[in-house]
Amino acid sequence: MRNNADLFLSQKGSMDFPKLLEKVQTYFSEHYKMLMIEDKSPDEKQMKSYIRQYLKENSLGVGGMSEEETVNRLYTEMAEFSFLTPYLNGEIKDPVVEGIEINSWDCVWVKFAGGRMERAKGQFFSPAHAKDVMTRLLHQSNISMDNSKPLVRGHLRKNIRITVNGGGGTLDDDVGIAASIRFINPNNLTRDDLIRFGTLTSEMMDFLVYCYRYGLSMMLAGETDSGKTTLMDIIMSLAVPNDKKLYTIENGTREMDLVKRGENQKIINSVVHTITKEADDPKLAITQQTLLEHGMTMNPDYICMAEVKGSEAFETIEAALTGHPVIGTTHTDCAETIPDRLVQLASLRSGNLSDKTLYSMAVKAFPILFYSEKMADGVRRVTEICECRLKDGKPDVIPLWQYQVRSNEETNGKTVVHGQFVKCGVISEKLQQRLRRKGIPESLLQSFLKQ
């Protein structure tokens, strides 16, 4: 007895799927253009009906595929996001997907938890197909991309960050597009997960949480993909009491989701998440500075400047100096250079203030500095936690914890790092007094002073 695919092909002319997709797309662009450019996703049932009708009327099909398989795949390619759909929808969970790197239309890699990389299961059919899928993907999140604006970034959902180069003369024509898609904390990692994975010790995590909880501002540095956002999210979720207001500022992409819900999905904490907004007229743009200045009038108890990378550093320092606990991230090569980076950025907006004054402000604002990196074995670790003090008018960065590497070795083509977390010191009497003034229990404080 013949199967559905055989019966389908006996009645229809067969062709390669990419060629059929091109024919169907051309037909739809001519006859159902409005169906494809609506802000909402096309109606699935209606669109599949049109596809099925077109295939029957023109005796078209694909070898080895039944009619229903062909219709479903054409719909996925035209209305969804091709082979990217299962990755974006979280259908691939073992192992968990952390990111997708698109180097060109025919070079797509998927990054999994643990650092493993492999070629994507599926591919684009051409540079034009890759650009069409990416344009549609961005459109679903109200992000426009064309030849006049080929460089875009944003977020697809709260936890998916995307950066795209759509060409427009910035790439070779045969490349099509280049893009990086990152899933923020796809494993929904917790405090205990980070400790189990070796990111930091229980004592280190508690120290960071309670320093922020009891009023000390802190700045986290690290390279890209070192786990900064996930670590910062966990610190805030544990440190900020439900009855205190947390105000967060993100630049361009929305990643944080610290709203807690109890029974019946009722919100049980106080969080305001904000994001910058671009505008053709620079005067109408809403920047990180704008959001921070506005947020300071909303009575926040805790503030997060998700990424300090511009002149907003000055306002961030000022906010911390007002007594608000502020947490943020920046890019440097170690904890020791964080004050240098903050002063460099703050000087873009500080007017006539000298570097000496800016260093004094930065050190007083952010006494706790820490650094996260993804090491050669693929493990993300907090390799430094430090206290920053003023000494002769200059920053003096004192290590409190460090990850000390004893040796590395290659085993079965993978790097194995041998090392350990070492407690190097304790916080100064000055910081101890600041924590006491903010109400830290003495027994908890004393636990951090043991060596």
Protein backbone atom coordinates (compact mmCIF):
# COMPACT_ATOMS: atom_id res chain seq x y z
CA MET A 1 0.00 0.00 0.00
CA ARG A 2 1.40 3.41 -0.94
CA ASN A 3 2.03 5.93 1.84
CA ASN A 4 0.84 9.52 1.88
CA ALA A 5 4.14 10.88 0.52
CA ASP A 6 4.05 8.43 -2.45
CA LEU A 7 0.42 9.28 -3.19
CA PHE A 8 1.16 13.00 -2.96
CA LEU A 9 4.08 12.73 -5.40
CA SER A 10 2.16 10.55 -7.81
CA GLN A 11 -0.24 13.42 -8.23
CA LYS A 12 2.16 16.36 -8.18
CA GLY A 13 5.38 17.49 -9.80
CA SER A 14 8.36 17.24 -7.44
CA MET A 15 11.02 19.90 -6.81
CA ASP A 16 13.57 20.83 -4.15
CA PHE A 17 12.09 22.49 -1.08
CA PRO A 18 14.11 25.74 -1.40
CA LYS A 19 12.84 26.18 -4.96
CA LEU A 20 9.27 25.49 -3.88
CA LEU A 21 9.60 27.93 -0.99
CA GLU A 22 10.80 30.62 -3.39
CA LYS A 23 7.81 30.04 -5.71
CA VAL A 24 5.30 30.11 -2.83
CA GLN A 25 6.86 33.22 -1.29
CA THR A 26 6.73 35.02 -4.64
CA TYR A 27 3.07 34.07 -5.04
CA PHE A 28 2.18 35.23 -1.53
CA SER A 29 4.04 38.53 -1.93
CA GLU A 30 1.95 39.23 -5.04
CA HIS A 31 -1.47 38.00 -3.85
CA TYR A 32 -1.45 38.03 -0.02
CA LYS A 33 0.98 40.80 0.79
CA MET A 34 -1.13 42.28 3.59
CA LEU A 35 -1.35 38.89 5.27
CA MET A 36 2.45 38.83 5.60
CA ILE A 37 3.08 42.38 6.80
CA GLU A 38 0.53 42.66 9.60
CA ASP A 39 2.01 43.55 12.98
CA LYS A 40 0.58 40.34 14.42
CA SER A 41 1.48 36.84 13.22
CA PRO A 42 -0.53 35.64 10.20
CA ASP A 43 -3.54 33.46 10.96
CA GLU A 44 -2.12 29.93 10.82
CA LYS A 45 -5.25 28.13 9.66
CA GLN A 46 -5.98 30.68 6.93
CA MET A 47 -2.41 30.81 5.67
CA LYS A 48 -2.08 27.01 5.53
CA SER A 49 -5.33 26.86 3.59
CA TYR A 50 -3.93 29.30 1.00
CA ILE A 51 -0.68 27.34 0.76
CA ARG A 52 -2.53 24.04 0.31
CA GLN A 53 -4.76 25.54 -2.38
CA TYR A 54 -1.76 26.93 -4.29
CA LEU A 55 0.05 23.58 -4.22
CA LYS A 56 -3.02 21.71 -5.50
CA GLU A 57 -3.81 24.19 -8.26
CA ASN A 58 -0.23 24.13 -9.56
CA SER A 59 0.54 20.43 -8.93
CA LEU A 60 3.57 21.23 -6.76
CA GLY A 61 5.27 19.14 -4.13
CA VAL A 62 8.57 17.94 -2.65
CA GLY A 63 10.01 14.46 -3.02
CA GLY A 64 9.69 12.36 0.12
CA MET A 65 7.27 14.76 1.83
CA SER A 66 3.52 14.34 2.24
CA GLU A 67 1.17 17.21 1.45
CA GLU A 68 0.68 17.99 5.14
CA GLU A 69 4.42 17.92 5.84
CA THR A 70 5.03 20.26 2.92
CA VAL A 71 2.31 22.70 4.01
CA ASN A 72 3.54 22.73 7.61
CA ARG A 73 7.14 23.33 6.62
CA LEU A 74 6.23 26.09 4.19
CA TYR A 75 4.20 27.77 6.92
CA THR A 76 7.12 27.51 9.36
CA GLU A 77 9.50 29.07 6.84
CA MET A 78 7.13 31.86 5.81
CA ALA A 79 5.32 32.79 9.02
CA GLU A 80 7.69 31.56 11.72
CA PHE A 81 11.47 31.52 11.88
CA SER A 82 12.66 28.52 9.90
CA PHE A 83 14.97 26.11 11.75
CA LEU A 84 15.48 28.73 14.49
CA THR A 85 11.89 28.26 15.74
CA PRO A 86 12.48 25.29 18.10
CA TYR A 87 15.55 26.99 19.58
CA LEU A 88 13.70 30.26 20.15
CA ASN A 89 10.63 28.54 21.58
CA GLY A 90 12.66 26.63 24.15
CA GLU A 91 11.76 23.25 22.64
CA ILE A 92 15.37 22.07 22.88
CA LYS A 93 16.11 21.64 26.57
CA ASP A 94 18.67 18.88 26.97
CA PRO A 95 21.17 20.38 26.98
CA VAL A 96 19.84 23.91 27.39
CA VAL A 97 20.59 26.38 24.58
CA GLU A 98 22.52 29.47 25.69
CA GLY A 99 22.97 31.20 22.37
CA ILE A 100 22.96 31.11 18.56
CA GLU A 101 25.82 32.56 16.51
CA ILE A 102 25.02 33.31 12.87
CA ASN A 103 28.25 34.13 11.03
CA SER A 104 26.64 33.96 7.59
CA TRP A 105 23.55 32.38 6.01
CA ASP A 106 25.33 29.02 5.73
CA CYS A 107 27.32 29.12 8.98
CA VAL A 108 25.14 28.90 12.09
CA TRP A 109 26.40 27.58 15.42
CA VAL A 110 24.44 26.80 18.57
CA LYS A 111 25.97 27.21 22.01
CA PHE A 112 24.77 24.93 24.80
CA ALA A 113 25.09 25.02 28.57
CA GLY A 114 28.57 23.93 29.57
CA GLY A 115 30.21 25.70 26.64
CA ARG A 116 29.65 23.03 23.94
CA MET A 117 29.20 24.37 20.39
CA GLU A 118 27.71 22.53 17.44
CA ARG A 119 26.28 23.28 14.02
CA ALA A 120 22.58 24.15 14.04
CA LYS A 121 20.12 21.44 13.06
CA GLY A 122 18.91 23.04 9.86
CA GLN A 123 20.06 25.95 7.74
CA PHE A 124 18.99 28.91 5.68
CA PHE A 125 18.65 28.29 1.95
CA SER A 126 20.29 31.48 0.71
CA PRO A 127 21.48 34.93 1.85
CA ALA A 128 18.06 36.32 0.89
CA HIS A 129 16.24 33.64 2.89
CA ALA A 130 18.37 34.37 5.96
CA LYS A 131 17.62 38.08 5.72
CA ASP A 132 13.91 37.43 5.22
CA VAL A 133 13.70 35.22 8.33
CA MET A 134 15.68 37.66 10.45
CA THR A 135 13.61 40.65 9.28
CA ARG A 136 10.44 38.78 10.23
CA LEU A 137 11.90 37.75 13.58
CA LEU A 138 12.82 41.34 14.41
CA HIS A 139 9.44 42.63 13.18
CA GLN A 140 7.66 40.52 15.80
CA SER A 141 9.45 42.61 18.43
CA ASN A 142 8.83 45.93 16.63
CA ILE A 143 12.45 46.21 15.52
CA SER A 144 12.94 47.44 11.96
CA MET A 145 15.95 46.56 9.81
CA ASP A 146 16.67 47.55 6.23
CA ASN A 147 19.58 48.65 4.07
CA SER A 148 19.46 52.16 5.53
CA LYS A 149 19.55 50.73 9.06
CA PRO A 150 21.37 47.40 8.88
CA LEU A 151 22.82 47.39 12.42
CA VAL A 152 20.19 46.71 15.07
CA ARG A 153 19.95 45.22 18.52
CA GLY A 154 17.16 44.60 20.94
CA HIS A 155 15.31 41.82 22.70
CA LEU A 156 12.89 39.23 21.37
CA ARG A 157 11.45 38.44 24.76
CA LYS A 158 12.52 39.46 28.23
CA ASN A 159 15.32 36.93 28.28
CA ILE A 160 16.51 36.86 24.65
CA ARG A 161 19.02 39.47 23.48
CA ILE A 162 19.68 39.85 19.76
CA THR A 163 22.27 41.81 17.78
CA VAL A 164 22.04 41.75 13.97
CA ASN A 165 24.08 43.01 11.05
CA GLY A 166 21.72 42.93 8.08
CA GLY A 167 24.33 43.87 5.49
CA GLY A 168 23.37 47.08 3.74
CA GLY A 169 26.93 47.37 2.42
CA THR A 170 28.58 46.39 5.72
CA LEU A 171 28.84 42.69 4.76
CA ASP A 172 29.71 40.85 1.56
CA ASP A 173 26.58 40.11 -0.48
CA ASP A 174 27.11 36.34 -0.26
CA VAL A 175 27.07 36.48 3.56
CA GLY A 176 23.49 37.69 3.91
CA ILE A 177 23.40 38.44 7.62
CA ALA A 178 25.43 38.06 10.80
CA ALA A 179 23.75 37.85 14.18
CA SER A 180 24.21 36.89 17.79
CA ILE A 181 21.29 35.65 19.87
CA ARG A 182 21.79 35.22 23.61
CA PHE A 183 19.44 33.57 26.06
CA ILE A 184 19.71 35.18 29.50
CA ASN A 185 19.76 32.59 32.32
CA PRO A 186 17.95 29.95 30.21
CA ASN A 187 18.42 27.42 33.00
CA ASN A 188 16.69 29.69 35.55
CA LEU A 189 19.78 29.31 37.70
CA THR A 190 19.56 29.91 41.43
CA ARG A 191 22.03 30.73 44.18
CA ASP A 192 22.55 27.04 44.89
CA ASP A 193 23.13 26.28 41.20
CA LEU A 194 25.96 28.82 40.97
CA ILE A 195 27.57 27.39 44.07
CA ARG A 196 27.22 23.83 42.77
CA PHE A 197 28.68 24.76 39.39
CA GLY A 198 31.71 26.38 41.05
CA THR A 199 30.94 30.00 40.17
CA LEU A 200 31.65 31.07 43.75
CA THR A 201 31.43 29.72 47.29
CA SER A 202 28.44 29.97 49.61
CA GLU A 203 30.28 32.49 51.80
CA MET A 204 31.16 34.67 48.79
CA MET A 205 27.57 34.69 47.59
CA ASP A 206 26.22 35.54 51.04
CA PHE A 207 28.77 38.34 51.37
CA LEU A 208 27.67 39.96 48.10
CA VAL A 209 23.97 39.55 48.88
CA TYR A 210 24.17 41.01 52.38
CA CYS A 211 26.51 43.85 51.45
CA TYR A 212 23.94 45.01 48.90
CA ARG A 213 21.05 44.28 51.25
CA TYR A 214 22.60 46.48 53.97
CA GLY A 215 23.55 49.46 51.88
CA LEU A 216 26.89 48.93 50.14
CA SER A 217 27.00 49.73 46.43
CA MET A 218 28.98 47.39 44.22
CA MET A 219 30.25 47.20 40.67
CA LEU A 220 30.72 43.96 38.74
CA ALA A 221 33.10 43.73 35.80
CA GLY A 222 33.82 40.99 33.33
CA GLU A 223 34.11 40.05 29.71
CA THR A 224 31.14 39.24 27.49
CA ASP A 225 29.44 35.92 28.30
CA SER A 226 30.96 35.72 31.77
CA GLY A 227 27.58 35.44 33.49
CA LYS A 228 27.39 38.99 34.84
CA THR A 229 23.67 39.51 34.27
CA THR A 230 22.66 36.18 35.79
CA LEU A 231 24.85 36.73 38.84
CA MET A 232 23.58 40.27 39.35
CA ASP A 233 19.95 39.13 38.98
CA ILE A 234 20.40 36.47 41.67
CA ILE A 235 22.06 38.92 44.05
CA MET A 236 19.19 41.40 43.68
CA SER A 237 16.47 38.76 43.96
CA LEU A 238 17.94 37.59 47.28
CA ALA A 239 19.02 40.95 48.69
CA VAL A 240 16.08 43.29 48.11
CA PRO A 241 13.19 42.80 50.59
CA ASN A 242 9.73 42.53 49.05
CA ASP A 243 8.59 45.76 50.71
CA LYS A 244 11.49 47.80 49.29
CA LYS A 245 11.42 49.34 45.81
CA LEU A 246 14.00 48.18 43.26
CA TYR A 247 14.48 50.41 40.21
CA THR A 248 16.42 48.94 37.27
CA ILE A 249 17.76 50.60 34.12
CA GLU A 250 18.74 48.66 31.00
CA ASN A 251 20.19 49.96 27.78
CA GLY A 252 18.45 48.89 24.58
CA THR A 253 17.57 45.34 25.61
CA ARG A 254 15.19 44.10 28.30
CA GLU A 255 16.68 41.14 30.15
CA MET A 256 15.79 41.40 33.83
CA ASP A 257 12.59 40.04 35.28
CA LEU A 258 12.71 40.37 39.06
CA VAL A 259 8.99 40.69 39.66
CA LYS A 260 7.86 38.00 42.11
CA ARG A 261 4.39 36.53 42.05
CA GLY A 262 2.59 34.59 44.75
CA GLU A 263 -0.79 32.91 44.82
CA ASN A 264 -3.09 33.74 41.91
CA GLN A 265 -0.13 35.42 40.17
CA LYS A 266 -0.39 38.40 42.52
CA ILE A 267 2.76 40.56 42.59
CA ILE A 268 4.36 40.41 46.03
CA ASN A 269 7.36 42.71 45.65
CA SER A 270 8.06 46.25 44.43
CA VAL A 271 10.05 46.47 41.19
CA VAL A 272 10.17 49.02 38.37
CA HIS A 273 12.02 47.80 35.27
CA THR A 274 12.94 50.49 32.73
CA ILE A 275 14.69 50.51 29.36
CA THR A 276 16.15 53.22 27.15
CA LYS A 277 14.35 54.36 24.02
CA GLU A 278 15.96 55.62 20.84
CA ALA A 279 14.53 58.42 18.70
CA ASP A 280 15.40 60.02 15.37
CA ASP A 281 15.57 63.33 17.20
CA PRO A 282 18.30 63.01 19.89
CA LYS A 283 16.36 65.46 22.07
CA LEU A 284 13.50 62.96 22.28
CA ALA A 285 15.66 59.93 23.10
CA ILE A 286 15.31 58.46 26.59
CA THR A 287 18.81 57.65 27.81
CA GLN A 288 20.15 55.92 30.88
CA GLN A 289 20.85 59.34 32.40
CA THR A 290 17.23 60.36 31.78
CA LEU A 291 15.89 57.20 33.36
CA LEU A 292 18.15 57.54 36.40
CA GLU A 293 17.31 61.21 36.94
CA HIS A 294 13.61 60.40 36.65
CA GLY A 295 13.92 57.31 38.80
CA MET A 296 15.55 59.20 41.65
CA THR A 297 12.27 61.09 42.09
CA MET A 298 10.32 57.82 42.39
CA ASN A 299 11.63 57.02 45.87
CA PRO A 300 13.70 53.93 45.02
CA ASP A 301 15.31 51.97 47.84
CA TYR A 302 17.70 50.06 45.56
CA ILE A 303 18.99 50.91 42.09
CA CYS A 304 20.50 48.83 39.31
CA MET A 305 22.33 50.36 36.35
CA ALA A 306 22.59 47.16 34.34
CA GLU A 307 25.54 48.26 32.22
CA VAL A 308 27.71 51.33 32.74
CA LYS A 309 29.44 52.08 29.45
CA GLY A 310 29.01 55.80 28.83
CA SER A 311 28.60 59.17 30.45
CA GLU A 312 25.81 57.76 32.65
CA ALA A 313 28.70 56.67 34.91
CA PHE A 314 28.65 60.14 36.49
CA GLU A 315 24.97 59.97 37.46
CA THR A 316 25.45 56.39 38.66
CA ILE A 317 28.27 57.48 40.98
CA GLU A 318 26.18 60.38 42.25
CA ALA A 319 23.22 58.08 42.94
CA ALA A 320 25.41 55.77 45.01
CA LEU A 321 26.81 58.75 46.94
CA THR A 322 23.29 59.73 47.99
CA GLY A 323 23.10 56.56 50.07
CA HIS A 324 21.10 54.40 47.66
CA PRO A 325 22.59 50.92 47.26
CA VAL A 326 23.51 50.72 43.57
CA ILE A 327 24.62 47.65 41.65
CA GLY A 328 25.88 47.66 38.08
CA THR A 329 28.23 46.10 35.56
CA THR A 330 30.98 47.44 33.35
CA HIS A 331 33.70 46.08 31.09
CA THR A 332 37.28 45.91 32.36
CA ASP A 333 39.98 43.26 32.51
CA CYS A 334 40.05 42.93 36.31
CA ALA A 335 38.49 44.33 39.47
CA GLU A 336 41.44 46.63 40.08
CA THR A 337 40.75 48.69 36.95
CA ILE A 338 37.05 49.31 37.66
CA PRO A 339 37.70 52.74 39.28
CA ASP A 340 39.78 53.75 36.24
CA ARG A 341 36.94 52.77 33.94
CA LEU A 342 34.31 54.63 35.96
CA VAL A 343 36.42 57.80 36.08
CA GLN A 344 37.13 57.59 32.36
CA LEU A 345 33.41 57.36 31.59
CA ALA A 346 32.30 59.88 34.22
CA SER A 347 34.74 62.47 32.86
CA LEU A 348 32.62 62.60 29.69
CA ARG A 349 29.96 64.43 31.71
CA SER A 350 31.65 65.76 34.84
CA GLY A 351 32.46 69.25 33.63
CA ASN A 352 35.44 70.80 35.40
CA LEU A 353 35.92 68.17 38.09
CA SER A 354 39.48 66.91 38.34
CA ASP A 355 40.44 63.24 38.06
CA LYS A 356 41.41 63.32 41.74
CA THR A 357 37.89 64.40 42.68
CA LEU A 358 36.32 61.83 40.37
CA TYR A 359 38.47 59.02 41.82
CA SER A 360 37.46 60.06 45.32
CA MET A 361 33.79 60.02 44.31
CA ALA A 362 34.05 56.66 42.53
CA VAL A 363 35.82 54.93 45.42
CA LYS A 364 33.36 56.25 48.00
CA ALA A 365 30.41 55.33 45.77
CA PHE A 366 31.47 51.75 45.03
CA PRO A 367 33.47 50.21 47.88
CA ILE A 368 32.80 46.63 46.73
CA LEU A 369 34.22 45.50 43.38
CA PHE A 370 34.07 42.02 41.90
CA TYR A 371 35.06 40.33 38.68
CA SER A 372 33.53 37.43 36.74
CA GLU A 373 35.10 35.52 33.89
CA LYS A 374 34.54 32.43 31.79
CA MET A 375 37.71 30.42 32.22
CA ALA A 376 39.42 28.02 29.84
CA ASP A 377 37.39 25.05 31.10
CA GLY A 378 34.11 26.79 30.24
CA VAL A 379 33.21 27.44 33.89
CA ARG A 380 32.09 30.96 34.81
CA ARG A 381 33.76 32.01 38.07
CA VAL A 382 33.87 35.06 40.30
CA THR A 383 37.63 35.32 40.33
CA GLU A 384 37.87 38.43 42.54
CA ILE A 385 35.90 40.16 45.26
CA CYS A 386 37.62 43.29 46.55
CA GLU A 387 37.19 46.31 48.77
CA CYS A 388 38.18 49.63 47.23
CA ARG A 389 39.58 52.25 49.61
CA LEU A 390 41.22 55.64 49.21
CA LYS A 391 44.94 55.80 49.91
CA ASP A 392 46.77 59.08 49.34
CA GLY A 393 43.90 60.20 47.12
CA LYS A 394 44.13 57.13 44.88
CA PRO A 395 42.16 53.86 44.70
CA ASP A 396 43.61 51.05 46.77
CA VAL A 397 41.93 47.77 45.76
CA ILE A 398 42.23 45.12 48.49
CA PRO A 399 41.39 41.47 47.57
CA LEU A 400 38.91 39.76 49.88
CA TRP A 401 38.49 36.56 47.81
CA GLN A 402 40.38 35.30 44.79
CA TYR A 403 40.26 32.23 42.59
CA GLN A 404 43.85 31.00 42.46
CA VAL A 405 44.81 28.68 39.60
CA ARG A 406 47.40 26.04 40.49
CA SER A 407 47.69 24.46 37.03
CA ASN A 408 45.91 23.64 33.77
CA GLU A 409 45.95 20.44 31.74
CA GLU A 410 44.49 19.09 28.51
CA THR A 411 42.33 15.97 28.82
CA ASN A 412 40.56 14.47 25.79
CA GLY A 413 40.88 17.78 23.98
CA LYS A 414 39.41 19.80 26.85
CA THR A 415 41.08 22.11 29.34
CA VAL A 416 40.90 21.17 33.01
CA VAL A 417 41.57 23.99 35.48
CA HIS A 418 42.92 23.08 38.91
CA GLY A 419 42.42 25.83 41.44
CA GLN A 420 40.47 27.02 44.45
CA PHE A 421 38.77 30.02 46.00
CA VAL A 422 40.91 31.64 48.68
CA LYS A 423 39.79 34.17 51.28
CA CYS A 424 42.47 36.86 51.33
CA GLY A 425 41.15 39.42 53.79
CA VAL A 426 38.16 41.05 55.48
CA ILE A 427 36.40 44.35 55.02
CA SER A 428 37.70 47.45 56.75
CA GLU A 429 36.42 48.81 60.04
CA LYS A 430 34.91 51.70 58.08
CA LEU A 431 32.73 49.38 56.00
CA GLN A 432 31.85 47.36 59.07
CA GLN A 433 30.46 50.50 60.68
CA ARG A 434 28.51 51.39 57.52
CA LEU A 435 26.89 47.95 57.57
CA ARG A 436 26.05 48.28 61.26
CA ARG A 437 24.38 51.63 60.64
CA LYS A 438 22.20 49.95 58.03
CA GLY A 439 21.12 47.24 60.45
CA ILE A 440 23.16 44.15 59.65
CA PRO A 441 22.88 41.56 62.46
CA GLU A 442 26.19 41.41 64.35
CA SER A 443 26.34 37.62 64.12
CA LEU A 444 26.10 37.81 60.33
CA LEU A 445 28.76 40.52 60.15
CA GLN A 446 31.10 38.54 62.37
CA SER A 447 30.75 35.49 60.13
CA PHE A 448 32.32 37.50 57.27
CA LEU A 449 35.23 38.63 59.48
CA LYS A 450 36.51 35.14 60.12
CA GLN A 451 39.57 33.97 58.19
